[in-house]
Amino acid sequence: MVATSGNKVQFNVYLPAELVRELKHRAIDEGVSLSSLVEHVMSTYLSGAEAAPTEGERP
């Protein structure tokens, strides 16, 4: 992980290309950065707002 300003770190994950494309388009549509969108999605998921996916299922 690479530390950046604001106590944030950079890390790499491998995701399906179609999911990344959808995320990029959603970020553009909402007028936010890809990082902000992914942070929001992950925070919402971890707060328990959505049930955990079953094996092989995408949330």
Protein backbone atom coordinates (compact mmCIF):
# COMPACT_ATOMS: atom_id res chain seq x y z
CA MET A 1 0.00 0.00 0.00
CA VAL A 2 1.16 3.51 -0.77
CA ALA A 3 0.35 6.30 1.68
CA THR A 4 -1.02 9.53 0.29
CA SER A 5 -2.13 12.79 1.87
CA GLY A 6 -5.16 12.80 4.15
CA ASN A 7 -4.40 9.43 5.74
CA LYS A 8 -5.52 7.62 2.61
CA VAL A 9 -3.60 4.78 1.02
CA GLN A 10 -3.45 3.43 -2.49
CA PHE A 11 -3.93 -0.27 -3.12
CA ASN A 12 -4.53 -2.42 -6.17
CA VAL A 13 -7.41 -4.80 -6.66
CA TYR A 14 -8.36 -6.89 -9.67
CA LEU A 15 -11.98 -6.55 -10.78
CA PRO A 16 -13.88 -7.70 -13.85
CA ALA A 17 -13.45 -5.21 -16.71
CA GLU A 18 -17.21 -4.72 -17.06
CA LEU A 19 -17.54 -3.80 -13.37
CA VAL A 20 -14.77 -1.23 -13.68
CA ARG A 21 -16.46 0.22 -16.76
CA GLU A 22 -19.78 0.49 -14.89
CA LEU A 23 -18.07 2.15 -11.93
CA LYS A 24 -16.32 4.69 -14.15
CA HIS A 25 -19.56 5.58 -15.92
CA ARG A 26 -21.44 5.91 -12.63
CA ALA A 27 -18.75 8.21 -11.23
CA ILE A 28 -18.99 10.41 -14.33
CA ASP A 29 -22.81 10.44 -14.17
CA GLU A 30 -22.72 11.45 -10.50
CA GLY A 31 -19.96 14.01 -11.00
CA VAL A 32 -17.60 12.42 -8.49
CA SER A 33 -14.18 10.84 -8.72
CA LEU A 34 -13.85 7.10 -9.12
CA SER A 35 -12.03 6.99 -5.77
CA SER A 36 -14.88 8.83 -4.02
CA LEU A 37 -17.48 6.52 -5.51
CA VAL A 38 -15.59 3.36 -4.55
CA GLU A 39 -14.97 4.73 -1.04
CA HIS A 40 -18.70 5.43 -0.63
CA VAL A 41 -19.72 1.98 -1.92
CA MET A 42 -17.22 0.19 0.32
CA SER A 43 -18.14 2.26 3.39
CA THR A 44 -21.85 1.63 2.82
CA TYR A 45 -21.25 -2.09 2.44
CA LEU A 46 -19.09 -2.30 5.57
CA SER A 47 -21.64 -0.36 7.62
CA GLY A 48 -24.00 -3.28 7.12
CA ALA A 49 -26.40 -1.42 4.84
CA GLU A 50 -26.42 -4.41 2.49
CA ALA A 51 -26.24 -8.13 3.08
CA ALA A 52 -22.99 -9.90 2.33
CA PRO A 53 -22.90 -11.58 -1.09
CA THR A 54 -22.92 -15.35 -1.32
CA GLU A 55 -20.04 -17.20 -2.97
CA GLY A 56 -19.66 -16.10 -6.58
CA GLU A 57 -22.32 -13.40 -6.34
CA ARG A 58 -21.51 -9.76 -7.05
CA PRO A 59 -23.12 -7.25 -4.66
